[in-house]
Structures are given as C-alpha cells and as structure tokens.
C-alpha cells in the first residue's frame, strides 16, 4: 500500500523486537513538502530512517537520507524538506522488544 501524505497526520501502532526486527511504511509525495516523522511509546530502544527510492526500482537499496538514533526510550523524530517522490520509513529494533506509535505528516511547500 502506498500512502499519500497530506497535512493531516497518519498514525500507526505496531511492534519491533527479536521476532520482527523492522517495519517499513511506504509513502509518496506529490510535491515538495515539509515532512515530519515521530516515533514514541517505546519500552526499549528503537530507531527510524527515511529512505528515498531515488533510482525508482521499487526496492529499498542503500538510500537512507535521514535517521534518528536517540538512546533508550527517548522518542525519535525526523523533520525534513522532501522533494516529490517515493519514500519509506523504516522502524528498526535497537535492543529488546517494544511496541511503538508512529506518526507521519507532510505539509506542501507553496511554490
């Protein structure tokens, strides 16, 4: 499923841990946007990455453009201006098992 982000935040709750070490969320932007990603509600350490499918092959290669690696259960956040295109958010386990809440939003930048 591809999510098309807008100014209205999208929220998800899920889990990462030893049995499921990372989760991916794919989204697209129709125009350059101020984008925000927030990961919270952690009981152990987890991190987030923003990945751009810059070669448009529909796969996640080594294309990480932003990351947040705060320690312990500190919330993770990324704010970035992103061009139109396809992106992925990766939530990854750093240690232990944790539930999490993920919020994504993007506000188009007027041209």
Protein backbone atom coordinates (compact mmCIF):
# COMPACT_ATOMS: atom_id res chain seq x y z
CA UNK A 1 0.00 0.00 0.00
CA UNK A 2 1.30 3.49 -0.85
CA UNK A 3 0.27 6.27 1.47
CA UNK A 4 -0.08 9.75 0.02
CA UNK A 5 0.75 12.10 2.85
CA UNK A 6 -1.00 15.35 3.50
CA UNK A 7 -1.06 17.90 6.30
CA UNK A 8 -3.32 15.51 8.22
CA UNK A 9 -1.07 13.23 10.30
CA UNK A 10 -1.28 9.48 9.81
CA UNK A 11 -0.71 7.31 12.89
CA UNK A 12 0.22 3.66 13.26
CA UNK A 13 0.89 1.36 16.21
CA UNK A 14 3.00 -1.79 15.86
CA UNK A 15 5.86 -3.81 17.35
CA UNK A 16 9.56 -4.47 16.68
CA UNK A 17 11.71 -6.97 18.50
CA UNK A 18 13.62 -10.20 18.18
CA UNK A 19 10.85 -11.89 16.16
CA UNK A 20 10.25 -8.84 13.88
CA UNK A 21 13.29 -6.54 13.84
CA UNK A 22 12.00 -3.89 11.42
CA UNK A 23 8.84 -2.48 9.84
CA UNK A 24 8.54 -0.47 6.62
CA UNK A 25 5.98 2.16 5.64
CA UNK A 26 5.93 3.33 2.01
CA UNK A 27 4.57 6.76 1.07
CA UNK A 28 4.66 9.20 -1.80
CA UNK A 29 4.70 12.97 -2.00
CA UNK A 30 3.13 14.74 -4.98
CA UNK A 31 5.04 17.96 -4.32
CA UNK A 32 7.94 19.23 -2.21
CA UNK A 33 6.84 19.08 1.42
CA UNK A 34 7.91 19.75 4.97
CA UNK A 35 7.72 16.20 6.34
CA UNK A 36 7.68 15.01 9.94
CA UNK A 37 8.11 11.55 11.43
CA UNK A 38 7.65 10.83 15.14
CA UNK A 39 8.26 7.50 16.90
CA UNK A 40 7.21 7.25 20.56
CA UNK A 41 5.57 4.98 23.13
CA UNK A 42 8.77 2.90 23.33
CA UNK A 43 9.58 0.49 26.18
CA UNK A 44 13.08 -0.26 24.76
CA UNK A 45 15.30 1.44 22.20
CA UNK A 46 14.17 1.62 18.55
CA UNK A 47 15.26 3.91 15.71
CA UNK A 48 13.79 5.34 12.49
CA UNK A 49 15.09 6.04 8.99
CA UNK A 50 13.70 7.90 5.98
CA UNK A 51 14.69 6.15 2.77
CA UNK A 52 14.16 7.51 -0.75
CA UNK A 53 13.69 5.24 -3.74
CA UNK A 54 16.00 7.51 -5.73
CA UNK A 55 16.60 5.01 -8.54
CA UNK A 56 12.84 4.26 -8.84
CA UNK A 57 13.30 0.49 -8.81
CA UNK A 58 10.57 -0.06 -6.20
CA UNK A 59 13.09 -1.58 -3.80
CA UNK A 60 14.91 -0.37 -0.73
CA UNK A 61 18.56 -0.12 -1.58
CA UNK A 62 21.19 1.78 0.41
CA UNK A 63 19.27 5.07 0.08
CA UNK A 64 18.86 6.32 3.68
CA UNK A 65 18.55 10.12 3.61
CA UNK A 66 17.67 10.86 7.28
CA UNK A 67 17.80 8.90 10.52
CA UNK A 68 17.12 9.32 14.23
CA UNK A 69 19.03 7.19 16.73
CA UNK A 70 18.23 8.58 20.18
CA UNK A 71 19.13 6.36 23.11
CA UNK A 72 16.92 4.33 25.42
CA UNK A 73 13.17 5.05 25.22
CA UNK A 74 13.60 8.67 24.11
CA UNK A 75 11.19 9.49 21.27
CA UNK A 76 12.69 9.59 17.79
CA UNK A 77 11.84 12.36 15.34
CA UNK A 78 12.82 13.49 11.86
CA UNK A 79 11.81 16.77 10.22
CA UNK A 80 12.96 17.30 6.65
CA UNK A 81 12.01 19.03 3.44
CA UNK A 82 11.45 16.24 0.92
CA UNK A 83 11.03 16.53 -2.84
CA UNK A 84 8.16 14.85 -4.69
CA UNK A 85 8.81 11.10 -4.90
CA UNK A 86 8.51 7.73 -3.21
CA UNK A 87 9.90 7.22 0.28
CA UNK A 88 9.97 4.60 3.02
CA UNK A 89 10.01 4.91 6.79
CA UNK A 90 11.89 2.09 8.49
CA UNK A 91 11.30 1.44 12.19
CA UNK A 92 14.07 -0.79 13.48
CA UNK A 93 14.81 -2.57 16.71
CA UNK A 94 17.94 -1.45 18.51
CA UNK A 95 17.51 -3.70 21.54
CA UNK A 96 14.77 -5.73 23.14
CA UNK A 97 11.09 -5.87 22.21
CA UNK A 98 8.90 -2.78 22.07
CA UNK A 99 5.54 -1.59 20.90
CA UNK A 100 5.58 1.83 19.23
CA UNK A 101 3.46 4.64 17.87
CA UNK A 102 4.47 6.18 14.55
CA UNK A 103 3.08 9.48 13.24
CA UNK A 104 3.75 10.77 9.73
CA UNK A 105 2.75 14.12 8.24
CA UNK A 106 3.71 16.31 5.31
CA UNK A 107 2.74 19.88 4.53
CA UNK A 108 3.19 21.00 0.91
CA UNK A 109 5.52 23.96 0.44
CA UNK A 110 3.87 26.69 -1.66
CA UNK A 111 5.68 27.41 -4.91
